[in-house]
């Protein structure tokens, strides 16, 4: 978790595939710990062909059934179905907005929101921004995209900088 924090969490992300991967993995975390998902991230990447949304959107029921038997991932039927649905939704989003990068960063005017928290207990689990993004993602057909998941996603992808005051990563360092 320290390496994840020090190297990835909160670093502004603009890569389409990584943004899509992170959205899926944040949804997979629902009800689980983030360390559980991180420990299986390589397995997810292998099982989902590097999070190629075009390939994932085309998964048929037989492919979905094989995924439900794949021990490298969390074998939850709703979450496996959500990955395919999210792939389909992200492809539509690309056609409409140019992709997750343009879409997401548009909510924050292209610049990360930097919060001034001193302690972990000050960090909210959701915000009005997360509620707005969540509602729009759901309207577009994304699943496992509630406001708590979306806020964690916005933090992870660096759209919201919740590194504590005094954290070396706070200024991107």
N, C-alpha and C. Protein backbone atom coordinates (compact mmCIF):
# COMPACT_ATOMS: atom_id res chain seq x y z
N UNK A 1 0.83 -1.20 0.00
CA UNK A 1 0.00 0.00 0.00
C UNK A 1 0.87 1.26 0.00
N UNK A 2 2.02 1.20 0.66
CA UNK A 2 2.91 2.36 0.70
C UNK A 2 3.42 2.66 -0.70
N UNK A 3 3.83 1.63 -1.42
CA UNK A 3 4.32 1.83 -2.79
C UNK A 3 3.20 2.41 -3.66
N UNK A 4 1.99 1.87 -3.52
CA UNK A 4 0.85 2.39 -4.30
C UNK A 4 0.64 3.87 -3.99
N UNK A 5 0.64 4.22 -2.71
CA UNK A 5 0.47 5.62 -2.33
C UNK A 5 1.60 6.47 -2.90
N UNK A 6 2.82 6.02 -2.72
CA UNK A 6 3.98 6.82 -3.10
C UNK A 6 4.16 6.97 -4.60
N UNK A 7 3.68 6.00 -5.36
CA UNK A 7 3.93 6.03 -6.80
C UNK A 7 2.70 6.27 -7.67
N UNK A 8 1.50 5.98 -7.16
CA UNK A 8 0.32 6.05 -8.02
C UNK A 8 -0.82 6.91 -7.50
N UNK A 9 -1.21 6.68 -6.24
CA UNK A 9 -2.44 7.28 -5.73
C UNK A 9 -2.37 8.80 -5.77
N UNK A 10 -3.33 9.39 -6.42
CA UNK A 10 -3.42 10.84 -6.46
C UNK A 10 -2.58 11.50 -7.52
N UNK A 11 -1.86 10.73 -8.31
CA UNK A 11 -1.07 11.30 -9.40
C UNK A 11 -2.03 11.54 -10.56
N UNK A 12 -2.11 12.77 -11.09
CA UNK A 12 -3.04 13.05 -12.19
C UNK A 12 -2.86 12.07 -13.35
N UNK A 13 -3.96 11.42 -13.70
CA UNK A 13 -3.97 10.36 -14.70
C UNK A 13 -4.74 10.83 -15.93
N UNK A 14 -4.16 10.63 -17.10
CA UNK A 14 -4.80 11.05 -18.35
C UNK A 14 -4.86 9.93 -19.38
N UNK A 15 -4.26 8.81 -19.10
CA UNK A 15 -4.23 7.68 -20.02
C UNK A 15 -5.60 7.00 -20.04
N UNK A 16 -6.20 6.90 -21.22
CA UNK A 16 -7.56 6.34 -21.34
C UNK A 16 -7.68 4.93 -20.78
N UNK A 17 -6.77 4.07 -21.14
CA UNK A 17 -6.87 2.68 -20.69
C UNK A 17 -6.70 2.59 -19.18
N UNK A 18 -5.77 3.34 -18.65
CA UNK A 18 -5.55 3.29 -17.20
C UNK A 18 -6.73 3.91 -16.45
N UNK A 19 -7.33 4.96 -17.00
CA UNK A 19 -8.52 5.53 -16.38
C UNK A 19 -9.66 4.51 -16.36
N UNK A 20 -9.81 3.79 -17.46
CA UNK A 20 -10.85 2.77 -17.53
C UNK A 20 -10.56 1.63 -16.56
N UNK A 21 -9.32 1.17 -16.55
CA UNK A 21 -8.92 0.11 -15.62
C UNK A 21 -9.22 0.52 -14.18
N UNK A 22 -8.82 1.72 -13.83
CA UNK A 22 -9.00 2.19 -12.46
C UNK A 22 -10.48 2.29 -12.10
N UNK A 23 -11.31 2.74 -13.02
CA UNK A 23 -12.75 2.82 -12.76
C UNK A 23 -13.31 1.42 -12.50
N UNK A 24 -12.91 0.46 -13.30
CA UNK A 24 -13.37 -0.91 -13.09
C UNK A 24 -12.89 -1.46 -11.75
N UNK A 25 -11.62 -1.25 -11.46
CA UNK A 25 -11.07 -1.80 -10.22
C UNK A 25 -11.65 -1.13 -8.98
N UNK A 26 -11.91 0.16 -9.06
CA UNK A 26 -12.57 0.82 -7.92
C UNK A 26 -13.94 0.20 -7.69
N UNK A 27 -14.65 -0.12 -8.75
CA UNK A 27 -15.94 -0.79 -8.61
C UNK A 27 -15.80 -2.20 -8.05
N UNK A 28 -14.75 -2.89 -8.47
CA UNK A 28 -14.51 -4.26 -7.97
C UNK A 28 -14.23 -4.25 -6.48
N UNK A 29 -13.73 -3.14 -5.97
CA UNK A 29 -13.39 -3.06 -4.56
C UNK A 29 -14.62 -3.03 -3.66
N UNK A 30 -15.78 -2.67 -4.19
CA UNK A 30 -16.97 -2.53 -3.35
C UNK A 30 -17.11 -3.71 -2.39
N UNK A 31 -17.11 -3.41 -1.09
CA UNK A 31 -17.25 -4.42 -0.06
C UNK A 31 -15.95 -5.13 0.30
N UNK A 32 -14.87 -4.73 -0.33
CA UNK A 32 -13.57 -5.36 -0.10
C UNK A 32 -12.54 -4.30 0.23
N UNK A 33 -11.35 -4.72 0.55
CA UNK A 33 -10.27 -3.77 0.80
C UNK A 33 -9.55 -3.47 -0.51
N UNK A 34 -8.97 -2.27 -0.59
CA UNK A 34 -8.22 -1.91 -1.78
C UNK A 34 -7.00 -2.82 -1.94
N UNK A 35 -6.41 -3.25 -0.85
CA UNK A 35 -5.25 -4.15 -0.96
C UNK A 35 -5.64 -5.47 -1.62
N UNK A 36 -6.85 -5.95 -1.39
CA UNK A 36 -7.32 -7.17 -2.06
C UNK A 36 -7.32 -6.98 -3.57
N UNK A 37 -7.78 -5.84 -4.02
CA UNK A 37 -7.84 -5.56 -5.45
C UNK A 37 -6.43 -5.36 -6.01
N UNK A 38 -5.62 -4.59 -5.29
CA UNK A 38 -4.25 -4.37 -5.77
C UNK A 38 -3.49 -5.69 -5.91
N UNK A 39 -3.70 -6.60 -4.98
CA UNK A 39 -3.02 -7.89 -5.04
C UNK A 39 -3.47 -8.72 -6.23
N UNK A 40 -4.62 -8.41 -6.78
CA UNK A 40 -5.15 -9.14 -7.94
C UNK A 40 -5.08 -8.32 -9.23
N UNK A 41 -4.51 -7.15 -9.16
CA UNK A 41 -4.51 -6.26 -10.34
C UNK A 41 -3.88 -6.92 -11.56
N UNK A 42 -2.76 -7.58 -11.39
CA UNK A 42 -2.14 -8.25 -12.54
C UNK A 42 -3.05 -9.34 -13.09
N UNK A 43 -3.73 -10.04 -12.21
CA UNK A 43 -4.69 -11.05 -12.65
C UNK A 43 -5.84 -10.44 -13.43
N UNK A 44 -6.33 -9.31 -12.96
CA UNK A 44 -7.37 -8.59 -13.69
C UNK A 44 -6.87 -8.16 -15.07
N UNK A 45 -5.66 -7.64 -15.12
CA UNK A 45 -5.11 -7.19 -16.40
C UNK A 45 -5.01 -8.35 -17.38
N UNK A 46 -4.60 -9.50 -16.90
CA UNK A 46 -4.50 -10.67 -17.77
C UNK A 46 -5.89 -11.16 -18.18
N UNK A 47 -6.79 -11.26 -17.23
CA UNK A 47 -8.13 -11.78 -17.52
C UNK A 47 -8.91 -10.87 -18.46
N UNK A 48 -8.67 -9.56 -18.35
CA UNK A 48 -9.43 -8.58 -19.14
C UNK A 48 -8.58 -7.96 -20.26
N UNK A 49 -7.60 -8.72 -20.74
CA UNK A 49 -6.82 -8.30 -21.92
C UNK A 49 -6.30 -6.87 -21.81
N UNK A 50 -5.74 -6.56 -20.64
CA UNK A 50 -5.17 -5.24 -20.44
C UNK A 50 -6.20 -4.13 -20.41
N UNK A 51 -7.44 -4.48 -20.11
CA UNK A 51 -8.55 -3.52 -20.04
C UNK A 51 -8.77 -2.83 -21.39
N UNK A 52 -8.73 -3.63 -22.43
CA UNK A 52 -9.08 -3.14 -23.76
C UNK A 52 -10.61 -3.09 -23.83
N UNK A 53 -11.17 -1.90 -23.78
CA UNK A 53 -12.62 -1.75 -23.70
C UNK A 53 -13.32 -2.32 -24.93
N UNK A 54 -12.72 -2.21 -26.08
CA UNK A 54 -13.34 -2.74 -27.29
C UNK A 54 -13.51 -4.25 -27.19
N UNK A 55 -12.46 -4.93 -26.75
CA UNK A 55 -12.55 -6.38 -26.58
C UNK A 55 -13.52 -6.75 -25.47
N UNK A 56 -13.44 -6.04 -24.36
CA UNK A 56 -14.30 -6.35 -23.22
C UNK A 56 -15.77 -6.15 -23.55
N UNK A 57 -16.09 -5.13 -24.32
CA UNK A 57 -17.49 -4.85 -24.68
C UNK A 57 -18.08 -5.99 -25.51
N UNK A 58 -17.23 -6.73 -26.19
CA UNK A 58 -17.70 -7.81 -27.06
C UNK A 58 -17.80 -9.16 -26.35
N UNK A 59 -17.47 -9.21 -25.07
CA UNK A 59 -17.52 -10.50 -24.37
C UNK A 59 -18.93 -11.08 -24.44
N UNK A 60 -19.00 -12.33 -24.83
CA UNK A 60 -20.29 -13.02 -24.86
C UNK A 60 -20.49 -13.75 -23.53
N UNK A 61 -21.63 -14.42 -23.42
CA UNK A 61 -21.96 -15.09 -22.17
C UNK A 61 -20.95 -16.19 -21.82
N UNK A 62 -20.41 -16.86 -22.83
CA UNK A 62 -19.41 -17.90 -22.58
C UNK A 62 -18.14 -17.30 -21.99
N UNK A 63 -17.73 -16.17 -22.52
CA UNK A 63 -16.53 -15.50 -21.98
C UNK A 63 -16.79 -15.03 -20.55
N UNK A 64 -17.98 -14.49 -20.32
CA UNK A 64 -18.34 -14.06 -18.97
C UNK A 64 -18.30 -15.24 -17.99
N UNK A 65 -18.77 -16.39 -18.44
CA UNK A 65 -18.77 -17.60 -17.59
C UNK A 65 -17.33 -18.02 -17.27
N UNK A 66 -16.43 -17.92 -18.25
CA UNK A 66 -15.02 -18.26 -17.99
C UNK A 66 -14.42 -17.29 -16.97
N UNK A 67 -14.80 -16.03 -17.05
CA UNK A 67 -14.29 -15.05 -16.08
C UNK A 67 -14.78 -15.39 -14.67
N UNK A 68 -15.99 -15.85 -14.56
CA UNK A 68 -16.53 -16.21 -13.24
C UNK A 68 -15.80 -17.40 -12.63
N UNK A 69 -15.06 -18.13 -13.43
CA UNK A 69 -14.28 -19.26 -12.93
C UNK A 69 -12.81 -18.91 -12.76
N UNK A 70 -12.43 -17.70 -13.11
CA UNK A 70 -11.02 -17.28 -13.09
C UNK A 70 -10.61 -16.87 -11.69
N UNK A 71 -9.72 -17.63 -11.07
CA UNK A 71 -9.30 -17.38 -9.69
C UNK A 71 -8.42 -16.15 -9.53
N UNK A 72 -7.99 -15.56 -10.63
CA UNK A 72 -7.14 -14.37 -10.56
C UNK A 72 -7.93 -13.10 -10.23
N UNK A 73 -9.26 -13.18 -10.34
CA UNK A 73 -10.11 -12.01 -10.11
C UNK A 73 -11.15 -12.33 -9.04
N UNK A 74 -11.85 -11.29 -8.61
CA UNK A 74 -12.98 -11.49 -7.70
C UNK A 74 -14.13 -12.05 -8.54
N UNK A 75 -14.58 -13.22 -8.19
CA UNK A 75 -15.57 -13.92 -9.01
C UNK A 75 -16.98 -13.62 -8.53
N UNK A 76 -17.37 -12.39 -8.74
CA UNK A 76 -18.70 -11.92 -8.36
C UNK A 76 -19.46 -11.62 -9.65
N UNK A 77 -20.59 -12.27 -9.81
CA UNK A 77 -21.35 -12.17 -11.07
C UNK A 77 -21.69 -10.72 -11.42
N UNK A 78 -22.15 -9.95 -10.45
CA UNK A 78 -22.53 -8.56 -10.72
C UNK A 78 -21.32 -7.72 -11.14
N UNK A 79 -20.19 -7.97 -10.51
CA UNK A 79 -18.98 -7.20 -10.84
C UNK A 79 -18.44 -7.59 -12.21
N UNK A 80 -18.46 -8.88 -12.53
CA UNK A 80 -18.00 -9.33 -13.85
C UNK A 80 -18.91 -8.74 -14.93
N UNK A 81 -20.20 -8.75 -14.70
CA UNK A 81 -21.15 -8.16 -15.66
C UNK A 81 -20.91 -6.66 -15.79
N UNK A 82 -20.60 -6.01 -14.67
CA UNK A 82 -20.37 -4.56 -14.68
C UNK A 82 -19.16 -4.19 -15.52
N UNK A 83 -18.12 -5.02 -15.50
CA UNK A 83 -16.93 -4.71 -16.32
C UNK A 83 -17.32 -4.65 -17.79
N UNK A 84 -18.12 -5.62 -18.25
CA UNK A 84 -18.55 -5.61 -19.66
C UNK A 84 -19.45 -4.42 -19.92
N UNK A 85 -20.40 -4.16 -19.03
CA UNK A 85 -21.29 -3.01 -19.21
C UNK A 85 -20.51 -1.71 -19.22
N UNK A 86 -19.52 -1.59 -18.34
CA UNK A 86 -18.71 -0.38 -18.29
C UNK A 86 -17.88 -0.22 -19.56
N UNK A 87 -17.41 -1.33 -20.12
CA UNK A 87 -16.68 -1.25 -21.39
C UNK A 87 -17.59 -0.71 -22.49
N UNK A 88 -18.80 -1.19 -22.53
CA UNK A 88 -19.76 -0.70 -23.53
C UNK A 88 -20.05 0.78 -23.30
N UNK A 89 -20.22 1.16 -22.05
CA UNK A 89 -20.52 2.56 -21.74
C UNK A 89 -19.33 3.47 -22.07
N UNK A 90 -18.12 3.01 -21.81
CA UNK A 90 -16.95 3.86 -22.08
C UNK A 90 -16.76 4.05 -23.58
N UNK A 91 -17.11 3.06 -24.37
CA UNK A 91 -17.02 3.22 -25.82
C UNK A 91 -18.00 4.28 -26.31
N UNK A 92 -19.21 4.27 -25.76
CA UNK A 92 -20.19 5.31 -26.10
C UNK A 92 -19.71 6.68 -25.63
N UNK A 93 -19.13 6.71 -24.45
CA UNK A 93 -18.62 7.96 -23.90
C UNK A 93 -17.52 8.53 -24.81
N UNK A 94 -16.67 7.66 -25.32
CA UNK A 94 -15.61 8.11 -26.23
C UNK A 94 -16.20 8.77 -27.47
N UNK A 95 -17.25 8.17 -27.99
CA UNK A 95 -17.88 8.74 -29.18
C UNK A 95 -18.50 10.11 -28.87
N UNK A 96 -19.06 10.25 -27.68
CA UNK A 96 -19.76 11.49 -27.32
C UNK A 96 -18.84 12.60 -26.83
N UNK A 97 -17.82 12.25 -26.05
CA UNK A 97 -17.03 13.28 -25.37
C UNK A 97 -15.55 13.26 -25.70
N UNK A 98 -15.11 12.24 -26.43
CA UNK A 98 -13.69 12.11 -26.71
C UNK A 98 -12.98 11.16 -25.78
N UNK A 99 -13.62 10.73 -24.72
CA UNK A 99 -13.03 9.75 -23.82
C UNK A 99 -13.12 10.14 -22.36
N UNK A 100 -12.69 9.22 -21.52
CA UNK A 100 -12.73 9.43 -20.08
C UNK A 100 -11.89 10.63 -19.65
N UNK A 101 -10.74 10.80 -20.28
CA UNK A 101 -9.86 11.91 -19.91
C UNK A 101 -10.58 13.24 -20.05
N UNK A 102 -11.08 13.52 -21.23
CA UNK A 102 -11.77 14.79 -21.47
C UNK A 102 -13.03 14.90 -20.61
N UNK A 103 -13.76 13.82 -20.51
CA UNK A 103 -15.00 13.81 -19.75
C UNK A 103 -14.75 14.12 -18.27
N UNK A 104 -13.86 13.35 -17.65
CA UNK A 104 -13.62 13.51 -16.21
C UNK A 104 -12.98 14.84 -15.87
N UNK A 105 -11.92 15.19 -16.59
CA UNK A 105 -11.22 16.43 -16.29
C UNK A 105 -12.08 17.65 -16.57
N UNK A 106 -13.10 17.49 -17.41
CA UNK A 106 -14.05 18.58 -17.64
C UNK A 106 -14.83 18.94 -16.38
N UNK A 107 -15.06 17.98 -15.50
CA UNK A 107 -15.78 18.24 -14.26
C UNK A 107 -14.98 19.15 -13.32
N UNK A 108 -13.65 19.17 -13.47
CA UNK A 108 -12.81 19.96 -12.58
C UNK A 108 -12.07 21.07 -13.33
N UNK A 109 -12.56 21.39 -14.51
CA UNK A 109 -11.96 22.46 -15.29
C UNK A 109 -10.53 22.19 -15.71
N UNK A 110 -10.17 20.92 -15.82
CA UNK A 110 -8.84 20.55 -16.28
C UNK A 110 -7.75 20.62 -15.23
N UNK A 111 -8.13 20.94 -14.00
CA UNK A 111 -7.14 21.11 -12.94
C UNK A 111 -7.61 20.40 -11.67
N UNK A 112 -6.71 19.68 -11.04
CA UNK A 112 -7.06 18.93 -9.83
C UNK A 112 -7.55 19.86 -8.72
N UNK A 113 -8.53 19.39 -8.00
CA UNK A 113 -9.00 20.06 -6.80
C UNK A 113 -8.04 19.67 -5.67
N UNK A 114 -7.48 20.65 -5.00
CA UNK A 114 -6.52 20.38 -3.92
C UNK A 114 -7.19 20.73 -2.59
N UNK A 115 -7.34 19.73 -1.75
CA UNK A 115 -7.94 19.94 -0.44
C UNK A 115 -6.86 20.12 0.62
N UNK A 116 -7.23 20.71 1.72
CA UNK A 116 -6.28 21.04 2.79
C UNK A 116 -6.60 20.26 4.06
N UNK A 117 -6.44 18.95 4.00
CA UNK A 117 -6.72 18.11 5.15
C UNK A 117 -5.44 17.82 5.92
N UNK A 118 -5.57 17.85 7.23
CA UNK A 118 -4.42 17.55 8.10
C UNK A 118 -4.43 16.12 8.59
N UNK A 119 -5.63 15.53 8.71
CA UNK A 119 -5.75 14.17 9.23
C UNK A 119 -6.67 13.35 8.33
N UNK A 120 -6.49 12.06 8.38
CA UNK A 120 -7.29 11.16 7.54
C UNK A 120 -8.78 11.27 7.84
N UNK A 121 -9.13 11.50 9.11
CA UNK A 121 -10.55 11.54 9.44
C UNK A 121 -11.25 12.79 8.89
N UNK A 122 -10.51 13.73 8.36
CA UNK A 122 -11.11 14.91 7.73
C UNK A 122 -11.53 14.64 6.29
N UNK A 123 -10.98 13.61 5.70
CA UNK A 123 -11.25 13.31 4.29
C UNK A 123 -12.64 12.69 4.17
N UNK A 124 -13.51 13.28 3.34
CA UNK A 124 -14.86 12.74 3.19
C UNK A 124 -14.85 11.45 2.37
N UNK A 125 -15.93 10.71 2.46
CA UNK A 125 -16.07 9.50 1.64
C UNK A 125 -16.78 9.81 0.33
N UNK A 126 -17.45 10.95 0.28
CA UNK A 126 -18.09 11.40 -0.95
C UNK A 126 -18.29 12.91 -0.86
N UNK A 127 -18.50 13.52 -1.99
CA UNK A 127 -18.67 14.97 -2.07
C UNK A 127 -19.75 15.28 -3.10
N UNK A 128 -20.21 16.53 -3.15
CA UNK A 128 -21.16 16.90 -4.21
C UNK A 128 -20.60 16.62 -5.62
N UNK A 129 -19.31 16.83 -5.82
CA UNK A 129 -18.70 16.51 -7.12
C UNK A 129 -18.84 15.02 -7.42
N UNK A 130 -18.53 14.18 -6.45
CA UNK A 130 -18.64 12.73 -6.65
C UNK A 130 -20.09 12.34 -6.93
N UNK A 131 -21.03 12.98 -6.27
CA UNK A 131 -22.44 12.69 -6.52
C UNK A 131 -22.82 13.08 -7.94
N UNK A 132 -22.31 14.22 -8.40
CA UNK A 132 -22.61 14.69 -9.77
C UNK A 132 -22.01 13.74 -10.82
N UNK A 133 -20.76 13.38 -10.64
CA UNK A 133 -20.10 12.49 -11.58
C UNK A 133 -20.78 11.12 -11.55
N UNK A 134 -21.07 10.62 -10.37
CA UNK A 134 -21.72 9.33 -10.22
C UNK A 134 -23.06 9.30 -10.95
N UNK A 135 -23.87 10.32 -10.74
CA UNK A 135 -25.18 10.37 -11.38
C UNK A 135 -25.04 10.36 -12.90
N UNK A 136 -24.07 11.10 -13.41
CA UNK A 136 -23.88 11.15 -14.85
C UNK A 136 -23.34 9.83 -15.39
N UNK A 137 -22.41 9.21 -14.68
CA UNK A 137 -21.91 7.91 -15.11
C UNK A 137 -23.03 6.88 -15.14
N UNK A 138 -23.84 6.86 -14.10
CA UNK A 138 -24.97 5.91 -14.04
C UNK A 138 -25.94 6.16 -15.19
N UNK A 139 -26.20 7.43 -15.47
CA UNK A 139 -27.10 7.79 -16.58
C UNK A 139 -26.56 7.25 -17.90
N UNK A 140 -25.25 7.18 -18.00
CA UNK A 140 -24.59 6.71 -19.21
C UNK A 140 -24.42 5.18 -19.24
N UNK A 141 -24.91 4.49 -18.21
CA UNK A 141 -24.87 3.03 -18.21
C UNK A 141 -23.73 2.40 -17.43
N UNK A 142 -22.94 3.19 -16.72
CA UNK A 142 -21.87 2.63 -15.91
C UNK A 142 -22.46 2.00 -14.65
N UNK A 143 -21.84 0.92 -14.21
CA UNK A 143 -22.29 0.23 -13.00
C UNK A 143 -21.18 0.23 -11.97
N UNK A 144 -21.54 0.03 -10.73
CA UNK A 144 -20.61 0.12 -9.60
C UNK A 144 -19.92 1.48 -9.65
N UNK A 145 -20.75 2.51 -9.76
CA UNK A 145 -20.25 3.88 -9.88
C UNK A 145 -21.02 4.81 -8.95
N UNK A 146 -21.26 4.34 -7.73
CA UNK A 146 -21.92 5.19 -6.75
C UNK A 146 -20.98 6.29 -6.27
N UNK A 147 -21.49 7.26 -5.54
CA UNK A 147 -20.67 8.42 -5.15
C UNK A 147 -19.46 8.08 -4.28
N UNK A 148 -19.53 7.06 -3.45
CA UNK A 148 -18.37 6.69 -2.63
C UNK A 148 -17.28 6.09 -3.53
N UNK A 149 -17.66 5.20 -4.42
CA UNK A 149 -16.71 4.61 -5.37
C UNK A 149 -16.14 5.71 -6.26
N UNK A 150 -16.98 6.59 -6.74
CA UNK A 150 -16.52 7.66 -7.63
C UNK A 150 -15.56 8.60 -6.91
N UNK A 151 -15.83 8.91 -5.63
CA UNK A 151 -14.90 9.79 -4.92
C UNK A 151 -13.53 9.11 -4.78
N UNK A 152 -13.52 7.84 -4.45
CA UNK A 152 -12.25 7.10 -4.36
C UNK A 152 -11.55 7.12 -5.71
N UNK A 153 -12.32 6.99 -6.77
CA UNK A 153 -11.77 7.03 -8.13
C UNK A 153 -11.17 8.39 -8.45
N UNK A 154 -11.89 9.45 -8.13
CA UNK A 154 -11.39 10.80 -8.38
C UNK A 154 -10.10 11.06 -7.61
N UNK A 155 -10.03 10.55 -6.40
CA UNK A 155 -8.80 10.67 -5.60
C UNK A 155 -7.67 9.87 -6.25
N UNK A 156 -7.94 8.63 -6.56
CA UNK A 156 -6.91 7.75 -7.13
C UNK A 156 -6.35 8.29 -8.43
N UNK A 157 -7.24 8.82 -9.27
CA UNK A 157 -6.84 9.31 -10.59
C UNK A 157 -6.29 10.73 -10.55
N UNK A 158 -6.22 11.30 -9.36
CA UNK A 158 -5.59 12.61 -9.19
C UNK A 158 -6.44 13.80 -9.56
N UNK A 159 -7.72 13.60 -9.78
CA UNK A 159 -8.61 14.74 -10.05
C UNK A 159 -8.89 15.51 -8.76
N UNK A 160 -8.82 14.80 -7.66
CA UNK A 160 -8.94 15.39 -6.33
C UNK A 160 -7.68 15.02 -5.57
N UNK A 161 -6.97 16.01 -5.10
CA UNK A 161 -5.73 15.79 -4.36
C UNK A 161 -6.05 15.85 -2.87
N UNK A 162 -6.18 14.68 -2.27
CA UNK A 162 -6.45 14.58 -0.84
C UNK A 162 -5.23 14.12 -0.06
N UNK A 163 -4.04 14.27 -0.64
CA UNK A 163 -2.84 14.01 0.14
C UNK A 163 -2.82 15.01 1.30
N UNK A 164 -2.54 14.51 2.47
CA UNK A 164 -2.56 15.36 3.66
C UNK A 164 -1.50 16.45 3.60
N UNK A 165 -1.78 17.54 4.28
CA UNK A 165 -0.76 18.58 4.43
C UNK A 165 0.47 17.91 5.03
N UNK A 166 1.61 18.17 4.47
CA UNK A 166 2.83 17.56 4.96
C UNK A 166 3.22 16.30 4.21
N UNK A 167 2.33 15.72 3.44
CA UNK A 167 2.65 14.52 2.66
C UNK A 167 3.51 14.96 1.47
N UNK A 168 4.58 14.21 1.21
CA UNK A 168 5.48 14.59 0.12
C UNK A 168 4.79 14.54 -1.24
N UNK A 169 3.70 13.76 -1.39
CA UNK A 169 2.99 13.64 -2.66
C UNK A 169 2.00 14.79 -2.87
N UNK A 170 1.76 15.56 -1.87
CA UNK A 170 0.75 16.63 -1.95
C UNK A 170 0.98 17.55 -3.12
N UNK A 171 2.20 17.94 -3.37
CA UNK A 171 2.48 18.87 -4.48
C UNK A 171 2.91 18.11 -5.73
N UNK A 172 2.67 16.81 -5.77
CA UNK A 172 3.06 16.00 -6.91
C UNK A 172 4.47 15.47 -6.80
N UNK A 173 5.15 15.80 -5.70
CA UNK A 173 6.55 15.45 -5.47
C UNK A 173 6.83 14.04 -5.32
